[in-house]
Each structure stands twice: as C-alpha cells, then as structure tokens.
Protein backbone atom coordinates (compact mmCIF):
# COMPACT_ATOMS: atom_id res chain seq x y z
CA UNK A 1 53.94 18.51 -23.72
CA UNK A 2 55.32 15.36 -22.13
CA UNK A 3 57.54 12.98 -24.07
CA UNK A 4 55.37 10.02 -23.09
CA UNK A 5 52.17 11.59 -24.42
CA UNK A 6 50.10 10.98 -27.55
CA UNK A 7 50.61 14.62 -28.53
CA UNK A 8 54.38 14.16 -28.63
CA UNK A 9 54.02 10.95 -30.63
CA UNK A 10 52.38 13.07 -33.34
CA UNK A 11 54.48 16.20 -32.81
CA UNK A 12 57.94 14.59 -32.95
CA UNK A 13 57.89 12.92 -36.40
CA UNK A 14 56.25 15.95 -38.01
CA UNK A 15 58.78 18.40 -36.59
CA UNK A 16 61.74 16.15 -37.41
CA UNK A 17 60.55 15.47 -40.97
CA UNK A 18 59.92 19.16 -41.69
CA UNK A 19 63.32 20.02 -40.27
CA UNK A 20 65.05 18.04 -43.02
CA UNK A 21 62.61 19.06 -45.77
CA UNK A 22 63.10 22.78 -45.16
CA UNK A 23 66.12 24.70 -46.49
CA UNK A 24 68.83 25.34 -43.92
CA UNK A 25 68.08 29.06 -43.65
CA UNK A 26 64.52 28.38 -42.46
CA UNK A 27 65.26 25.59 -39.98
CA UNK A 28 65.96 27.81 -36.97
CA UNK A 29 62.57 29.45 -37.44
CA UNK A 30 60.84 26.08 -37.77
CA UNK A 31 62.41 24.79 -34.54
CA UNK A 32 61.65 28.03 -32.72
CA UNK A 33 57.98 27.91 -33.71
CA UNK A 34 57.81 24.23 -32.72
CA UNK A 35 59.36 25.11 -29.35
CA UNK A 36 57.06 28.04 -28.61
CA UNK A 37 54.16 27.21 -26.33
CA UNK A 38 52.00 30.37 -25.96
CA UNK A 39 52.34 30.67 -22.19
CA UNK A 40 56.09 30.31 -22.52
CA UNK A 41 56.23 33.11 -25.06
CA UNK A 42 54.38 35.41 -22.69
CA UNK A 43 56.61 34.59 -19.73
CA UNK A 44 60.00 34.39 -21.43
CA UNK A 45 59.63 37.02 -24.15
CA UNK A 46 60.82 39.90 -21.96
CA UNK A 47 63.79 38.01 -20.46
CA UNK A 48 64.85 36.73 -23.88
CA UNK A 49 64.98 40.31 -25.16
CA UNK A 50 66.83 41.52 -22.05
CA UNK A 51 69.41 38.72 -22.21
CA UNK A 52 69.91 39.09 -25.95
CA UNK A 53 70.62 42.83 -25.62
CA UNK A 54 72.66 42.32 -22.44
CA UNK A 55 74.92 39.80 -24.18
CA UNK A 56 75.73 42.24 -26.97
CA UNK A 57 76.25 45.14 -24.57
CA UNK A 58 78.50 43.05 -22.31
CA UNK A 59 80.63 42.06 -25.29
CA UNK A 60 80.93 45.62 -26.63
CA UNK A 61 81.44 47.39 -23.28
CA UNK A 62 84.41 47.77 -20.98
CA UNK A 63 84.64 48.63 -17.31
CA UNK A 64 81.95 48.52 -14.65
CA UNK A 65 79.06 48.75 -17.11
CA UNK A 66 79.73 45.17 -18.19
CA UNK A 67 78.93 43.96 -14.69
CA UNK A 68 75.86 46.22 -14.53
CA UNK A 69 74.45 44.66 -17.72
CA UNK A 70 75.14 41.19 -16.33
CA UNK A 71 73.36 42.04 -13.06
CA UNK A 72 70.32 43.35 -14.95
CA UNK A 73 70.19 40.13 -16.95
CA UNK A 74 70.50 37.92 -13.86
CA UNK A 75 67.91 39.89 -11.89
CA UNK A 76 65.38 39.66 -14.73
CA UNK A 77 65.75 35.87 -14.93
CA UNK A 78 65.79 35.29 -11.18
CA UNK A 79 62.84 37.65 -10.83
CA UNK A 80 60.69 35.68 -13.27
CA UNK A 81 61.61 32.42 -11.53
CA UNK A 82 60.95 33.92 -8.10
CA UNK A 83 57.49 35.19 -9.04
CA UNK A 84 56.24 32.03 -10.70
CA UNK A 85 57.94 29.44 -8.49
CA UNK A 86 58.50 31.02 -5.08
CA UNK A 87 56.18 34.00 -4.59
CA UNK A 88 53.23 32.00 -3.25
CA UNK A 89 55.58 29.86 -1.15
CA UNK A 90 56.99 32.86 0.69
CA UNK A 91 53.57 34.52 0.99
CA UNK A 92 52.16 31.32 2.56
CA UNK A 93 55.03 31.18 5.04
CA UNK A 94 54.68 34.87 5.85
CA UNK A 95 50.97 34.41 6.48
CA UNK A 96 51.61 31.47 8.78
CA UNK A 97 54.30 33.37 10.68
CA UNK A 98 52.14 36.48 11.15
CA UNK A 99 49.18 34.34 12.21
CA UNK A 100 51.23 32.33 14.71
CA UNK A 101 52.40 35.47 16.52
CA UNK A 102 48.92 37.01 16.48
CA UNK A 103 49.51 39.87 14.06
CA UNK A 104 46.96 38.72 11.48
CA UNK A 105 43.93 36.47 11.22
CA UNK A 106 42.93 34.06 8.49
CA UNK A 107 40.61 36.71 7.08
CA UNK A 108 43.48 39.18 6.68
CA UNK A 109 45.99 36.87 5.04
CA UNK A 110 48.20 38.36 2.34
CA UNK A 111 46.80 37.35 -1.07
CA UNK A 112 48.58 34.80 -3.21
CA UNK A 113 48.86 34.86 -6.98
CA UNK A 114 46.59 32.60 -9.00
CA UNK A 115 49.31 31.43 -11.39
CA UNK A 116 50.56 28.08 -12.63
CA UNK A 117 54.27 27.27 -12.80
CA UNK A 118 55.14 26.46 -16.42
CA UNK A 119 56.90 23.13 -16.91
CA UNK A 120 60.64 23.55 -17.33
CA UNK A 121 60.84 27.23 -16.36
CA UNK A 122 63.77 26.56 -14.02
CA UNK A 123 65.74 24.92 -16.80
CA UNK A 124 65.07 27.80 -19.20
CA UNK A 125 66.12 30.50 -16.73
CA UNK A 126 69.31 28.72 -15.67
CA UNK A 127 70.28 28.17 -19.29
CA UNK A 128 69.63 31.83 -20.08
CA UNK A 129 71.78 32.92 -17.13
CA UNK A 130 74.64 30.69 -18.23
CA UNK A 131 74.68 32.56 -21.56
CA UNK A 132 75.21 36.06 -20.17
CA UNK A 133 77.67 34.77 -17.55
CA UNK A 134 79.77 33.05 -20.21
CA UNK A 135 79.70 36.16 -22.42
CA UNK A 136 80.77 38.24 -19.42
CA UNK A 137 83.65 35.84 -18.73
CA UNK A 138 84.76 35.98 -22.35
CA UNK A 139 84.14 32.28 -22.99
CA UNK A 140 81.33 32.88 -25.49
CA UNK A 141 80.74 35.41 -28.25
CA UNK A 142 77.46 37.28 -27.99
CA UNK A 143 74.78 35.86 -30.30
CA UNK A 144 73.66 38.55 -32.76
CA UNK A 145 70.93 36.46 -34.39
CA UNK A 146 67.91 37.07 -32.16
CA UNK A 147 66.03 34.01 -33.46
CA UNK A 148 68.98 31.71 -32.82
CA UNK A 149 69.35 33.04 -29.29
CA UNK A 150 65.62 32.57 -28.60
CA UNK A 151 65.93 29.00 -29.91
CA UNK A 152 68.88 28.38 -27.58
CA UNK A 153 66.65 29.25 -24.62
CA UNK A 154 63.55 27.38 -25.81
CA UNK A 155 64.80 24.38 -27.83
CA UNK A 156 61.92 21.92 -27.40
CA UNK A 157 63.81 18.68 -26.49
CA UNK A 158 65.00 20.39 -23.31
CA UNK A 159 61.51 21.59 -22.42
CA UNK A 160 60.63 19.13 -19.65
CA UNK A 161 63.83 18.14 -17.87
CA UNK A 162 66.87 19.74 -19.45
CA UNK A 163 69.76 19.21 -19.74
CA UNK A 164 70.81 22.77 -18.87
CA UNK A 165 73.09 23.59 -21.76
CA UNK A 166 76.03 25.96 -21.97
CA UNK A 167 76.09 28.31 -24.97
CA UNK A 168 79.50 26.96 -26.05
CA UNK A 169 77.94 23.56 -26.68
CA UNK A 170 74.68 24.46 -28.38
CA UNK A 171 74.67 27.89 -30.08
CA UNK A 172 77.12 26.98 -32.83
CA UNK A 173 75.07 23.86 -33.63
CA UNK A 174 72.06 26.01 -34.55
CA UNK A 175 74.19 27.81 -37.16
CA UNK A 176 75.62 24.63 -38.66
CA UNK A 177 74.00 22.81 -41.56
CA UNK A 178 72.64 19.42 -40.52
CA UNK A 179 72.16 16.64 -43.04
CA UNK A 180 69.95 13.61 -42.58
CA UNK A 181 71.92 10.73 -41.13
CA UNK A 182 70.57 7.23 -40.87
CA UNK A 183 72.94 6.56 -37.99
CA UNK A 184 71.78 9.68 -36.11
CA UNK A 185 68.19 8.58 -36.62
CA UNK A 186 68.89 5.07 -35.31
CA UNK A 187 70.92 6.32 -32.35
CA UNK A 188 68.35 8.98 -31.51
CA UNK A 189 65.35 6.65 -31.70
CA UNK A 190 67.15 3.98 -29.70
CA UNK A 191 67.92 6.52 -26.99
CA UNK A 192 64.32 7.77 -27.00
CA UNK A 193 62.92 4.24 -26.71
CA UNK A 194 65.30 3.41 -23.89
CA UNK A 195 64.28 6.58 -22.08
CA UNK A 196 60.62 5.83 -22.66
CA UNK A 197 61.10 2.31 -21.26
CA UNK A 198 62.79 3.66 -18.13
CA UNK A 199 60.04 6.20 -17.60
CA UNK A 200 56.88 4.22 -18.43
CA UNK A 201 57.83 0.63 -17.65
CA UNK A 202 60.20 1.03 -14.71
CA UNK A 203 59.58 4.42 -13.03
CA UNK A 204 55.80 4.51 -13.36
CA UNK A 205 55.41 0.91 -12.22
CA UNK A 206 57.70 1.43 -9.22
CA UNK A 207 55.76 4.58 -8.33
CA UNK A 208 52.57 2.58 -7.87
CA UNK A 209 54.05 0.60 -4.98
CA UNK A 210 55.99 3.55 -3.56
CA UNK A 211 52.94 5.82 -3.47
CA UNK A 212 50.80 3.23 -1.72
CA UNK A 213 53.37 2.50 1.01
CA UNK A 214 54.54 6.09 1.48
CA UNK A 215 50.94 7.26 1.53
CA UNK A 216 50.21 5.23 4.71
CA UNK A 217 53.57 4.08 6.12
CA UNK A 218 52.07 3.28 9.54
CA UNK A 219 50.04 0.46 7.97
CA UNK A 220 53.03 -1.45 6.60
CA UNK A 221 55.79 -3.68 7.92
CA UNK A 222 59.30 -2.22 8.03
CA UNK A 223 60.32 -4.56 5.17
CA UNK A 224 57.67 -2.91 3.00
CA UNK A 225 59.19 0.46 3.85
CA UNK A 226 62.65 -0.78 2.94
CA UNK A 227 61.40 -2.15 -0.38
CA UNK A 228 59.51 1.08 -1.08
CA UNK A 229 62.63 3.13 -0.37
CA UNK A 230 64.74 0.98 -2.69
CA UNK A 231 62.08 1.22 -5.38
CA UNK A 232 61.90 4.99 -4.91
CA UNK A 233 65.63 5.29 -5.64
CA UNK A 234 65.02 3.36 -8.86
CA UNK A 235 61.89 5.38 -9.65
CA UNK A 236 63.48 8.81 -9.31
CA UNK A 237 66.51 7.79 -11.37
CA UNK A 238 64.55 6.14 -14.18
CA UNK A 239 62.01 8.96 -14.26
CA UNK A 240 64.53 11.76 -14.55
CA UNK A 241 67.17 10.01 -16.64
CA UNK A 242 64.43 8.61 -18.86
CA UNK A 243 63.27 12.13 -19.76
CA UNK A 244 66.90 13.18 -20.27
CA UNK A 245 67.50 10.25 -22.62
CA UNK A 246 64.40 11.13 -24.62
CA UNK A 247 65.58 14.75 -24.87
CA UNK A 248 69.02 13.70 -26.09
CA UNK A 249 67.47 11.24 -28.52
CA UNK A 250 65.00 13.75 -29.99
CA UNK A 251 67.83 16.21 -30.58
CA UNK A 252 70.13 13.51 -31.97
CA UNK A 253 67.70 12.54 -34.73
CA UNK A 254 68.21 16.05 -36.16
CA UNK A 255 71.96 15.97 -35.63
CA UNK A 256 72.16 18.01 -32.40
CA UNK A 257 74.34 16.78 -29.54
CA UNK A 258 73.15 17.69 -26.07
CA UNK A 259 74.98 17.17 -22.78
CA UNK A 260 74.71 13.74 -21.17
CA UNK A 261 72.95 14.29 -17.85
CA UNK A 262 73.40 10.94 -16.06
CA UNK A 263 76.36 8.55 -16.07
CA UNK A 264 75.30 5.50 -14.02
CA UNK A 265 75.25 7.41 -10.70
CA UNK A 266 74.44 4.36 -8.57
CA UNK A 267 77.77 2.86 -9.60
CA UNK A 268 79.60 5.79 -7.98
CA UNK A 269 82.44 4.96 -5.57
CA UNK A 270 81.65 7.77 -3.13
CA UNK A 271 79.37 10.80 -2.60
CA UNK A 272 81.61 13.12 -4.60
CA UNK A 273 81.68 10.66 -7.48
CA UNK A 274 77.88 10.32 -7.24
CA UNK A 275 77.31 14.06 -7.71
CA UNK A 276 79.65 14.04 -10.70
CA UNK A 277 77.33 11.49 -12.32
CA UNK A 278 73.85 12.68 -11.20
CA UNK A 279 72.07 15.50 -13.07
CA UNK A 280 75.44 16.58 -14.40
CA UNK A 281 74.28 19.75 -16.14
CA UNK A 282 72.73 21.10 -12.92
CA UNK A 283 75.51 20.06 -10.52
CA UNK A 284 78.17 21.59 -12.78
CA UNK A 285 76.01 24.72 -13.13
CA UNK A 286 76.01 25.22 -9.36
CA UNK A 287 79.71 24.38 -9.20
CA UNK A 288 80.78 26.83 -11.91
CA UNK A 289 78.36 29.69 -11.25
CA UNK A 290 77.85 29.56 -7.48
CA UNK A 291 80.27 27.34 -5.56
CA UNK A 292 83.52 28.43 -7.24
CA UNK A 293 82.62 32.17 -7.38
CA UNK A 294 81.88 32.00 -3.63
CA UNK A 295 85.41 30.73 -3.09
CA UNK A 296 84.87 27.01 -3.42
CA UNK A 297 87.34 25.12 -1.25
CA UNK A 298 90.08 27.73 -1.58
CA UNK A 299 89.38 29.70 1.62
CA UNK A 300 89.63 27.18 4.39
CA UNK A 301 87.56 24.31 5.74
CA UNK A 302 84.82 26.40 7.37
CA UNK A 303 84.28 28.50 4.25
CA UNK A 304 84.21 25.35 2.11
CA UNK A 305 81.48 23.79 4.27
CA UNK A 306 79.49 27.02 4.28
CA UNK A 307 79.70 27.21 0.49
CA UNK A 308 78.67 23.57 0.19
CA UNK A 309 75.67 24.04 2.48
CA UNK A 310 74.58 27.17 0.60
CA UNK A 311 74.79 25.37 -2.74
CA UNK A 312 72.66 22.50 -1.44
CA UNK A 313 70.10 24.89 0.06
CA UNK A 314 69.79 26.77 -3.24
CA UNK A 315 69.66 23.46 -5.09
CA UNK A 316 66.87 22.30 -2.78
CA UNK A 317 64.79 25.39 -3.49
CA UNK A 318 65.51 25.00 -7.22
CA UNK A 319 63.97 21.53 -7.10
CA UNK A 320 60.80 22.75 -5.39
CA UNK A 321 59.34 25.54 -3.26
CA UNK A 322 58.79 23.54 -0.09
CA UNK A 323 60.44 22.99 3.26
CA UNK A 324 61.99 19.60 3.98
CA UNK A 325 59.47 18.90 6.75
CA UNK A 326 56.60 19.52 4.33
CA UNK A 327 58.04 16.90 2.02
CA UNK A 328 58.57 14.37 4.81
CA UNK A 329 55.26 14.81 6.58
C-alpha cells in the first residue's frame, strides 16, 4: 500500500483512531495486524521465528554457539532476500553467459522463478539483521515478546521506504504507553503533508519531463539533457525523502519517533558530508555492519579503498538487481 494512494487515505485514520481507542495491552496486536499484508506474512513468517529464537539463544549462550546462532539468523534473512530479489537476476546472467560461449541454446535456458518482489522486503530484512547483530554485540536485550518483535520487523509506516531502524530506538517504544497528543498529531500530519507534497507535486511532476527526455535522449538538445539531469536529482530526492517524511509523520501521530532519514543532503559541503545526510539509516547500516567490521580505514589506504568499493557494490545491488550498463542503456 502506497502512502499516496486512496487505500492509505482510508487505512491511516482508521488505524490511528483505533490505536488510541484500544487499551494499551492490545495496541501491539492492533498494529501488527494492520502491518500484516498476507504475502508478507508468508515470506517473513519463517525468518521472524528464526530471528526471534536466535536473539534469545544468543543472549543466553556463551562461546562459539553465539556466533553460530547469529550466522543462522543472517543466512536466513540474506537467503530470503537473495531468492526474491536476486535469484532471477543471476539466472538471467548465467543463461546469457552460457549462451554466449555456446554451451546452451535459448531452448535450454535455466528456468527462472515466477515470483514478484514484495515492496520493502530489503528494508525488512536489513532491520531484522540489525536486531540479531545488536543482541550479539550486547547493545540490545533480546525481545521475549514474540508479537512485539514481529511488530518491530513489520511496523507499517516503514513498509515502503524505511527508515531501517535499530532495535535500541524502536523496540522499547512498542512497550511504552502512548497517550494522544494534539502536538504529536499536528507535527505528524504536517510532516505527512509535506512528504506528500514532495512526492506528488514535485517528484511526480519532475518525472514527467525526465522520463520523456531520458527515454529518447538523441532527440533533444544538450540543454534539455542538462535540465533533465537537474530535475532528476530533485525527483529522486523528493520521491525518497517524501516517503520517509510520510513514514515518520504516520508514526509520530501515534507517538512513535522514527529515525530521520534525510538532512538536506544537497547542502552538504563535500561527498563525505553528503553521505552522512542521504538515506542516513542505510548508510549508517553499511558503515556499522559492513565497513567497520571489514576494518574500515584502520588497515591502510589500500584496504580502506577496497572496503569502500565493496560497500558501494553491495549498496548498488541492494538498490536493485541490475548491472550499471543495464541502467544506463
């Protein structure tokens, strides 16, 4: 369900109103049901169970078994993401490679899976992995309430475009009692409207020009290409940050504080400053769970550049199962 859809216009006020009408002890269940789209339940049910049990086992175990439980958790999440997002991509490339060197023909191609990638699956899996990693590191207590943990993974405002939350920021909020606040409602609705404006009025309008020019660049003057490129930078920012603002606003109306995902990135002073402002929850995820564990910048210049390149390659695949040349041409 998209934030700028008629369905959400009906869904949001009903869910928010019922949240405050229900007693505190039933609210987690209400939000979990509201967050559960059937296909998501089918896909995530197994990994939610695995991660929930893994978190408890990691907390209660010492020695090498702790790492084993973490590895099982990570493999289950990465496996689900790999099957639904990357399996057909790698099969297509394998088929093309085997065909190009004459091993196979088009009639003997390896079969691909007839599956649809659920919206937001990457966000859900990364958020789930951050939980078991933080429990393993001792920064987060294992969640013993299965329903609360499932809600942490599937909380509906984060469904479309994150932010990717850390358990330290969100889990305790699901246990806390939230009272209706007029100020939270105003702040949340204001943020949602601003996000909706960025998405529908700015991003979608800019996309109309960008799509036309980028669709047939050879037919346009170089100034049109320059304008289209500038508009695309505005489009991609307003599209993504607009959804993030709507997510933060929807959560805020119920008293939940999610991580700010964009901090005026185009006002950055340099590239490093830009990445500290753009899609903050994802960039810090790669920094804390991939770049630093690989050694970061602590093992010399060559190792630092290798780690940086690897992070950007993984980040590229996270954003979409496609080669750069496919995107450009």
